[in-house]
Amino acid sequence: MRAHLALSCLLLSLAAMGCRAPQASAPAKAQGPVWLTTPSGLGILDLLPGAGPSPTLGQSCTVEVLGWIEEKGEKGRLILDTRKRGFPATFPLGVGRVIKGWDEGLATMKKGGKRLLRIPPALGYSPREAKEDIPLGANLLFEFELVDLR
């Protein structure tokens, strides 16, 4: 009898609180890509993680590269396409042979990987290097494929 009374009290209290069937939660919004931003302001988005080793300081990196001027947060005018020119870019990592954004962004890649870099002006081309192709103060987007290390 006591169990019956306790159950009745429980049901009455649930009814008084407005017990409702569980509501389906709203579906999560599709999120865009997740960019990592380094302390220098470099944006990194891995498109395909590589399975090989990462380059070391001074090691020669061979990369296929597409590069754009960023316009309204998107890829704008194409400024570099190594496949179209017929040969990849090869340079030693971290010795100043390329813009700072390339050195920083490639240092943590793995061979075989693909990565998109958003390079702020401070890590890009100097006014002397940019010439008329790249507007001063422009953010640059570069898509890299790390093809080889030597």
N, C-alpha and C. Protein backbone atom coordinates (compact mmCIF):
# COMPACT_ATOMS: atom_id res chain seq x y z
N MET A 1 0.81 -1.18 0.00
CA MET A 1 0.00 0.00 0.00
C MET A 1 0.86 1.26 0.00
N ARG A 2 1.94 1.21 0.82
CA ARG A 2 2.83 2.36 0.86
C ARG A 2 3.47 2.61 -0.50
N ALA A 3 3.88 1.55 -1.20
CA ALA A 3 4.50 1.69 -2.53
C ALA A 3 3.50 2.30 -3.50
N HIS A 4 2.24 1.86 -3.39
CA HIS A 4 1.20 2.39 -4.26
C HIS A 4 0.99 3.88 -3.99
N LEU A 5 0.99 4.27 -2.73
CA LEU A 5 0.82 5.66 -2.33
C LEU A 5 2.00 6.51 -2.81
N ALA A 6 3.21 6.00 -2.67
CA ALA A 6 4.41 6.72 -3.10
C ALA A 6 4.40 6.93 -4.62
N LEU A 7 3.99 5.90 -5.34
CA LEU A 7 3.93 6.01 -6.80
C LEU A 7 2.88 7.04 -7.21
N SER A 8 1.73 7.03 -6.52
CA SER A 8 0.69 8.01 -6.83
C SER A 8 1.17 9.42 -6.57
N CYS A 9 1.89 9.63 -5.47
CA CYS A 9 2.43 10.97 -5.15
C CYS A 9 3.44 11.40 -6.21
N LEU A 10 4.27 10.49 -6.63
CA LEU A 10 5.27 10.81 -7.66
C LEU A 10 4.60 11.22 -8.96
N LEU A 11 3.58 10.48 -9.37
CA LEU A 11 2.88 10.79 -10.61
C LEU A 11 2.17 12.14 -10.52
N LEU A 12 1.56 12.42 -9.38
CA LEU A 12 0.90 13.71 -9.19
C LEU A 12 1.89 14.87 -9.23
N SER A 13 3.03 14.67 -8.59
CA SER A 13 4.03 15.76 -8.59
C SER A 13 4.60 15.98 -9.99
N LEU A 14 4.80 14.93 -10.75
CA LEU A 14 5.28 15.09 -12.13
C LEU A 14 4.24 15.82 -12.98
N ALA A 15 2.98 15.48 -12.78
CA ALA A 15 1.91 16.14 -13.54
C ALA A 15 1.84 17.61 -13.17
N ALA A 16 2.04 17.92 -11.89
CA ALA A 16 2.00 19.31 -11.44
C ALA A 16 3.15 20.12 -12.02
N MET A 17 4.29 19.48 -12.23
CA MET A 17 5.46 20.20 -12.78
C MET A 17 5.39 20.33 -14.29
N GLY A 18 4.40 19.74 -14.86
CA GLY A 18 4.28 19.86 -16.32
C GLY A 18 5.22 18.92 -17.03
N CYS A 19 5.22 17.70 -16.65
CA CYS A 19 6.08 16.71 -17.28
C CYS A 19 5.79 16.63 -18.77
N ARG A 20 6.80 16.74 -19.55
CA ARG A 20 6.64 16.67 -21.01
C ARG A 20 7.56 15.62 -21.59
N ALA A 21 7.21 15.20 -22.75
CA ALA A 21 8.08 14.26 -23.46
C ALA A 21 9.37 14.98 -23.84
N PRO A 22 10.45 14.29 -23.87
CA PRO A 22 11.71 14.93 -24.26
C PRO A 22 11.58 15.58 -25.64
N GLN A 23 12.12 16.76 -25.75
CA GLN A 23 12.08 17.49 -27.02
C GLN A 23 13.35 17.19 -27.82
N ALA A 24 13.17 17.05 -29.10
CA ALA A 24 14.34 16.86 -29.96
C ALA A 24 15.13 18.16 -29.97
N SER A 25 16.41 18.06 -29.77
CA SER A 25 17.22 19.28 -29.80
C SER A 25 17.45 19.68 -31.25
N ALA A 26 17.65 20.96 -31.42
CA ALA A 26 17.90 21.46 -32.77
C ALA A 26 19.20 20.87 -33.29
N PRO A 27 19.25 20.53 -34.56
CA PRO A 27 20.49 19.97 -35.10
C PRO A 27 21.61 21.00 -35.01
N ALA A 28 22.81 20.52 -34.75
CA ALA A 28 23.96 21.41 -34.66
C ALA A 28 24.20 22.06 -36.02
N LYS A 29 24.55 23.33 -35.97
CA LYS A 29 24.85 24.03 -37.22
C LYS A 29 26.14 23.49 -37.80
N ALA A 30 26.15 23.35 -39.10
CA ALA A 30 27.37 22.90 -39.76
C ALA A 30 28.43 23.97 -39.57
N GLN A 31 29.57 23.57 -39.06
CA GLN A 31 30.65 24.52 -38.84
C GLN A 31 31.60 24.50 -40.01
N GLY A 32 32.16 25.65 -40.28
CA GLY A 32 33.14 25.75 -41.34
C GLY A 32 34.47 25.18 -40.87
N PRO A 33 35.47 25.34 -41.67
CA PRO A 33 36.79 24.82 -41.31
C PRO A 33 37.30 25.48 -40.04
N VAL A 34 38.10 24.75 -39.29
CA VAL A 34 38.67 25.25 -38.05
C VAL A 34 40.12 25.67 -38.31
N TRP A 35 40.35 26.96 -38.26
CA TRP A 35 41.68 27.52 -38.47
C TRP A 35 42.42 27.59 -37.14
N LEU A 36 43.69 27.28 -37.17
CA LEU A 36 44.59 27.50 -36.04
C LEU A 36 45.30 28.81 -36.34
N THR A 37 45.32 29.72 -35.38
CA THR A 37 46.04 30.99 -35.56
C THR A 37 47.20 31.00 -34.59
N THR A 38 48.40 31.16 -35.11
CA THR A 38 49.60 31.18 -34.29
C THR A 38 49.77 32.56 -33.65
N PRO A 39 50.65 32.69 -32.66
CA PRO A 39 50.88 33.99 -32.04
C PRO A 39 51.34 35.08 -33.03
N SER A 40 51.96 34.70 -34.10
CA SER A 40 52.42 35.67 -35.11
C SER A 40 51.28 36.17 -35.99
N GLY A 41 50.12 35.50 -35.92
CA GLY A 41 48.98 35.87 -36.76
C GLY A 41 48.79 34.97 -37.97
N LEU A 42 49.67 34.01 -38.16
CA LEU A 42 49.56 33.07 -39.28
C LEU A 42 48.36 32.16 -39.06
N GLY A 43 47.53 32.01 -40.08
CA GLY A 43 46.40 31.08 -40.04
C GLY A 43 46.78 29.78 -40.73
N ILE A 44 46.45 28.66 -40.08
CA ILE A 44 46.79 27.34 -40.61
C ILE A 44 45.54 26.48 -40.64
N LEU A 45 45.28 25.89 -41.80
CA LEU A 45 44.16 24.96 -41.95
C LEU A 45 44.68 23.72 -42.67
N ASP A 46 44.74 22.59 -41.95
CA ASP A 46 45.18 21.35 -42.59
C ASP A 46 44.06 20.80 -43.45
N LEU A 47 44.37 20.58 -44.71
CA LEU A 47 43.41 20.00 -45.65
C LEU A 47 43.56 18.49 -45.72
N LEU A 48 44.80 18.03 -45.60
CA LEU A 48 45.11 16.60 -45.62
C LEU A 48 46.38 16.41 -44.80
N PRO A 49 46.28 15.78 -43.63
CA PRO A 49 47.49 15.57 -42.85
C PRO A 49 48.43 14.61 -43.57
N GLY A 50 49.69 14.90 -43.54
CA GLY A 50 50.66 14.00 -44.15
C GLY A 50 51.01 12.87 -43.21
N ALA A 51 51.65 11.86 -43.75
CA ALA A 51 52.04 10.70 -42.95
C ALA A 51 53.55 10.62 -42.78
N GLY A 52 54.28 11.46 -43.48
CA GLY A 52 55.73 11.42 -43.43
C GLY A 52 56.29 12.31 -42.34
N PRO A 53 57.61 12.51 -42.38
CA PRO A 53 58.26 13.35 -41.36
C PRO A 53 58.01 14.83 -41.62
N SER A 54 58.23 15.63 -40.59
CA SER A 54 58.20 17.09 -40.72
C SER A 54 59.59 17.57 -41.09
N PRO A 55 59.69 18.70 -41.78
CA PRO A 55 61.01 19.21 -42.14
C PRO A 55 61.75 19.75 -40.92
N THR A 56 63.06 19.75 -41.02
CA THR A 56 63.90 20.33 -39.97
C THR A 56 64.56 21.59 -40.53
N LEU A 57 65.06 22.42 -39.64
CA LEU A 57 65.70 23.68 -40.02
C LEU A 57 66.81 23.44 -41.04
N GLY A 58 66.75 24.13 -42.16
CA GLY A 58 67.75 24.03 -43.21
C GLY A 58 67.49 22.91 -44.21
N GLN A 59 66.56 22.02 -43.91
CA GLN A 59 66.26 20.92 -44.83
C GLN A 59 65.54 21.47 -46.05
N SER A 60 65.85 20.92 -47.22
CA SER A 60 65.24 21.35 -48.47
C SER A 60 63.83 20.80 -48.60
N CYS A 61 62.86 21.71 -48.80
CA CYS A 61 61.45 21.34 -48.96
C CYS A 61 61.07 21.54 -50.42
N THR A 62 60.38 20.57 -50.98
CA THR A 62 59.83 20.69 -52.32
C THR A 62 58.31 20.72 -52.16
N VAL A 63 57.71 21.80 -52.68
CA VAL A 63 56.27 22.00 -52.50
C VAL A 63 55.61 22.41 -53.80
N GLU A 64 54.37 21.96 -53.95
CA GLU A 64 53.50 22.50 -55.00
C GLU A 64 52.66 23.56 -54.30
N VAL A 65 52.51 24.71 -54.94
CA VAL A 65 51.87 25.84 -54.29
C VAL A 65 50.88 26.54 -55.21
N LEU A 66 49.74 26.89 -54.63
CA LEU A 66 48.78 27.82 -55.24
C LEU A 66 48.72 29.01 -54.31
N GLY A 67 48.75 30.23 -54.85
CA GLY A 67 48.70 31.42 -54.00
C GLY A 67 47.72 32.44 -54.53
N TRP A 68 46.99 33.08 -53.61
CA TRP A 68 46.00 34.09 -53.97
C TRP A 68 46.12 35.31 -53.07
N ILE A 69 45.64 36.44 -53.57
CA ILE A 69 45.41 37.61 -52.73
C ILE A 69 44.07 37.35 -52.05
N GLU A 70 44.01 37.54 -50.74
CA GLU A 70 42.72 37.37 -50.06
C GLU A 70 41.85 38.59 -50.34
N GLU A 71 40.63 38.34 -50.79
CA GLU A 71 39.67 39.40 -51.09
C GLU A 71 38.35 39.06 -50.42
N LYS A 72 37.93 39.88 -49.47
CA LYS A 72 36.67 39.68 -48.73
C LYS A 72 36.62 38.32 -48.06
N GLY A 73 37.75 37.89 -47.49
CA GLY A 73 37.80 36.63 -46.77
C GLY A 73 37.86 35.40 -47.64
N GLU A 74 38.01 35.58 -48.93
CA GLU A 74 38.01 34.46 -49.88
C GLU A 74 39.27 34.49 -50.75
N LYS A 75 39.49 33.41 -51.48
CA LYS A 75 40.56 33.37 -52.47
C LYS A 75 40.22 34.34 -53.58
N GLY A 76 41.10 35.29 -53.80
CA GLY A 76 40.88 36.28 -54.85
C GLY A 76 41.73 35.98 -56.07
N ARG A 77 42.49 36.98 -56.48
CA ARG A 77 43.33 36.85 -57.68
C ARG A 77 44.48 35.88 -57.44
N LEU A 78 44.64 34.92 -58.37
CA LEU A 78 45.72 33.94 -58.31
C LEU A 78 47.05 34.63 -58.61
N ILE A 79 48.04 34.41 -57.73
CA ILE A 79 49.36 35.02 -57.95
C ILE A 79 50.46 33.99 -58.15
N LEU A 80 50.18 32.71 -57.83
CA LEU A 80 51.19 31.68 -57.99
C LEU A 80 50.53 30.32 -58.20
N ASP A 81 51.02 29.58 -59.18
CA ASP A 81 50.58 28.21 -59.43
C ASP A 81 51.79 27.45 -59.96
N THR A 82 52.45 26.68 -59.06
CA THR A 82 53.67 25.99 -59.47
C THR A 82 53.39 24.90 -60.50
N ARG A 83 52.23 24.29 -60.47
CA ARG A 83 51.92 23.25 -61.46
C ARG A 83 51.77 23.87 -62.85
N LYS A 84 51.16 25.03 -62.90
CA LYS A 84 50.98 25.71 -64.18
C LYS A 84 52.32 26.15 -64.77
N ARG A 85 53.24 26.57 -63.91
CA ARG A 85 54.55 27.00 -64.41
C ARG A 85 55.44 25.81 -64.76
N GLY A 86 55.06 24.61 -64.26
CA GLY A 86 55.75 23.41 -64.69
C GLY A 86 56.77 22.82 -63.74
N PHE A 87 57.00 23.44 -62.58
CA PHE A 87 57.93 22.86 -61.62
C PHE A 87 57.60 23.34 -60.21
N PRO A 88 57.83 22.48 -59.21
CA PRO A 88 57.53 22.87 -57.83
C PRO A 88 58.55 23.88 -57.30
N ALA A 89 58.23 24.45 -56.14
CA ALA A 89 59.17 25.34 -55.45
C ALA A 89 60.02 24.49 -54.52
N THR A 90 61.33 24.76 -54.50
CA THR A 90 62.25 24.05 -53.61
C THR A 90 63.10 25.08 -52.89
N PHE A 91 63.18 24.96 -51.57
CA PHE A 91 63.93 25.94 -50.77
C PHE A 91 64.28 25.31 -49.42
N PRO A 92 65.35 25.81 -48.78
CA PRO A 92 65.68 25.33 -47.44
C PRO A 92 64.76 26.00 -46.41
N LEU A 93 64.29 25.22 -45.46
CA LEU A 93 63.35 25.73 -44.46
C LEU A 93 64.06 26.58 -43.40
N GLY A 94 63.47 27.72 -43.10
CA GLY A 94 63.88 28.52 -41.96
C GLY A 94 65.14 29.35 -42.10
N VAL A 95 65.62 29.54 -43.31
CA VAL A 95 66.84 30.32 -43.48
C VAL A 95 66.59 31.64 -44.23
N GLY A 96 65.32 32.02 -44.36
CA GLY A 96 65.00 33.31 -44.96
C GLY A 96 64.98 33.36 -46.48
N ARG A 97 64.93 32.23 -47.15
CA ARG A 97 64.88 32.22 -48.61
C ARG A 97 63.48 32.47 -49.16
N VAL A 98 62.46 32.32 -48.29
CA VAL A 98 61.07 32.56 -48.67
C VAL A 98 60.45 33.48 -47.62
N ILE A 99 59.22 33.90 -47.83
CA ILE A 99 58.57 34.77 -46.86
C ILE A 99 58.40 34.03 -45.52
N LYS A 100 58.34 34.82 -44.45
CA LYS A 100 58.27 34.25 -43.10
C LYS A 100 57.06 33.34 -42.91
N GLY A 101 55.95 33.67 -43.53
CA GLY A 101 54.75 32.84 -43.40
C GLY A 101 54.95 31.44 -43.96
N TRP A 102 55.72 31.33 -45.05
CA TRP A 102 56.00 30.00 -45.61
C TRP A 102 56.86 29.20 -44.63
N ASP A 103 57.95 29.81 -44.14
CA ASP A 103 58.83 29.10 -43.22
C ASP A 103 58.07 28.62 -41.98
N GLU A 104 57.26 29.50 -41.40
CA GLU A 104 56.52 29.13 -40.19
C GLU A 104 55.46 28.08 -40.49
N GLY A 105 54.73 28.24 -41.56
CA GLY A 105 53.63 27.33 -41.88
C GLY A 105 54.06 25.95 -42.31
N LEU A 106 55.22 25.85 -42.94
CA LEU A 106 55.69 24.54 -43.40
C LEU A 106 56.43 23.76 -42.32
N ALA A 107 56.92 24.47 -41.30
CA ALA A 107 57.74 23.83 -40.26
C ALA A 107 57.01 22.71 -39.54
N THR A 108 55.70 22.78 -39.44
CA THR A 108 54.95 21.75 -38.71
C THR A 108 54.16 20.81 -39.62
N MET A 109 54.35 20.96 -40.93
CA MET A 109 53.69 20.04 -41.86
C MET A 109 54.39 18.69 -41.86
N LYS A 110 53.72 17.70 -42.40
CA LYS A 110 54.33 16.39 -42.61
C LYS A 110 54.34 16.10 -44.11
N LYS A 111 55.37 15.41 -44.55
CA LYS A 111 55.49 15.05 -45.96
C LYS A 111 54.22 14.36 -46.42
N GLY A 112 53.74 14.78 -47.60
CA GLY A 112 52.52 14.22 -48.16
C GLY A 112 51.27 15.00 -47.77
N GLY A 113 51.41 15.96 -46.87
CA GLY A 113 50.27 16.72 -46.40
C GLY A 113 49.92 17.90 -47.30
N LYS A 114 48.70 18.39 -47.12
CA LYS A 114 48.23 19.60 -47.81
C LYS A 114 47.72 20.55 -46.75
N ARG A 115 48.04 21.83 -46.92
CA ARG A 115 47.72 22.82 -45.91
C ARG A 115 47.42 24.16 -46.57
N LEU A 116 46.47 24.87 -46.01
CA LEU A 116 46.16 26.23 -46.44
C LEU A 116 46.70 27.19 -45.39
N LEU A 117 47.43 28.19 -45.84
CA LEU A 117 47.99 29.21 -44.94
C LEU A 117 47.36 30.55 -45.26
N ARG A 118 46.96 31.27 -44.22
CA ARG A 118 46.49 32.66 -44.35
C ARG A 118 47.61 33.51 -43.76
N ILE A 119 48.31 34.22 -44.65
CA ILE A 119 49.51 34.95 -44.24
C ILE A 119 49.21 36.44 -44.13
N PRO A 120 49.36 36.99 -42.90
CA PRO A 120 49.15 38.43 -42.73
C PRO A 120 50.32 39.21 -43.34
N PRO A 121 50.12 40.49 -43.59
CA PRO A 121 51.17 41.30 -44.23
C PRO A 121 52.53 41.24 -43.53
N ALA A 122 52.54 41.17 -42.21
CA ALA A 122 53.81 41.15 -41.47
C ALA A 122 54.65 39.91 -41.78
N LEU A 123 54.00 38.84 -42.24
CA LEU A 123 54.72 37.60 -42.57
C LEU A 123 54.81 37.38 -44.08
N GLY A 124 54.38 38.38 -44.84
CA GLY A 124 54.35 38.26 -46.29
C GLY A 124 55.51 38.98 -46.96
N TYR A 125 55.21 39.58 -48.09
CA TYR A 125 56.23 40.23 -48.90
C TYR A 125 56.47 41.67 -48.45
N SER A 126 57.73 42.08 -48.51
CA SER A 126 58.06 43.48 -48.23
C SER A 126 57.63 44.32 -49.43
N PRO A 127 57.54 45.64 -49.27
CA PRO A 127 57.17 46.48 -50.42
C PRO A 127 58.11 46.29 -51.62
N ARG A 128 59.38 46.02 -51.36
CA ARG A 128 60.34 45.80 -52.44
C ARG A 128 60.05 44.49 -53.18
N GLU A 129 59.64 43.46 -52.43
CA GLU A 129 59.38 42.15 -53.03
C GLU A 129 58.02 42.10 -53.74
N ALA A 130 57.04 42.80 -53.20
CA ALA A 130 55.67 42.69 -53.69
C ALA A 130 55.47 43.29 -55.08
N LYS A 131 56.16 44.37 -55.35
CA LYS A 131 56.01 45.09 -56.62
C LYS A 131 54.54 45.41 -56.86
N GLU A 132 54.09 45.40 -58.11
CA GLU A 132 52.69 45.76 -58.38
C GLU A 132 51.74 44.57 -58.30
N ASP A 133 52.26 43.35 -58.21
CA ASP A 133 51.41 42.16 -58.17
C ASP A 133 50.63 42.02 -56.87
N ILE A 134 51.23 42.46 -55.77
CA ILE A 134 50.62 42.24 -54.46
C ILE A 134 50.43 43.59 -53.78
N PRO A 135 49.19 43.96 -53.49
CA PRO A 135 48.93 45.24 -52.82
C PRO A 135 49.53 45.26 -51.42
N LEU A 136 50.07 46.40 -51.02
CA LEU A 136 50.60 46.54 -49.66
C LEU A 136 49.48 46.30 -48.66
N GLY A 137 49.79 45.59 -47.58
CA GLY A 137 48.80 45.33 -46.54
C GLY A 137 47.84 44.20 -46.86
N ALA A 138 48.06 43.47 -47.94
CA ALA A 138 47.15 42.39 -48.31
C ALA A 138 47.46 41.12 -47.53
N ASN A 139 46.40 40.41 -47.15
CA ASN A 139 46.55 39.06 -46.64
C ASN A 139 46.68 38.14 -47.84
N LEU A 140 47.47 37.10 -47.68
CA LEU A 140 47.70 36.14 -48.76
C LEU A 140 47.22 34.76 -48.33
N LEU A 141 46.73 33.99 -49.26
CA LEU A 141 46.34 32.61 -49.02
C LEU A 141 47.22 31.71 -49.90
N PHE A 142 47.82 30.71 -49.28
CA PHE A 142 48.65 29.77 -50.02
C PHE A 142 48.23 28.35 -49.66
N GLU A 143 48.03 27.55 -50.70
CA GLU A 143 47.73 26.13 -50.50
C GLU A 143 48.99 25.36 -50.87
N PHE A 144 49.50 24.60 -49.89
CA PHE A 144 50.74 23.85 -50.07
C PHE A 144 50.48 22.36 -50.08
N GLU A 145 51.28 21.66 -50.88
CA GLU A 145 51.42 20.21 -50.78
C GLU A 145 52.90 19.95 -50.58
N LEU A 146 53.26 19.36 -49.46
CA LEU A 146 54.67 19.07 -49.16
C LEU A 146 55.02 17.76 -49.85
N VAL A 147 55.70 17.89 -50.99
CA VAL A 147 55.98 16.76 -51.86
C VAL A 147 57.21 15.95 -51.43
N ASP A 148 58.28 16.67 -51.03
CA ASP A 148 59.53 15.96 -50.72
C ASP A 148 60.37 16.76 -49.73
N LEU A 149 61.21 16.04 -49.00
CA LEU A 149 62.19 16.63 -48.08
C LEU A 149 63.55 16.00 -48.38
N ARG A 150 64.58 16.83 -48.35
CA ARG A 150 65.94 16.31 -48.58
C ARG A 150 66.92 16.99 -47.65
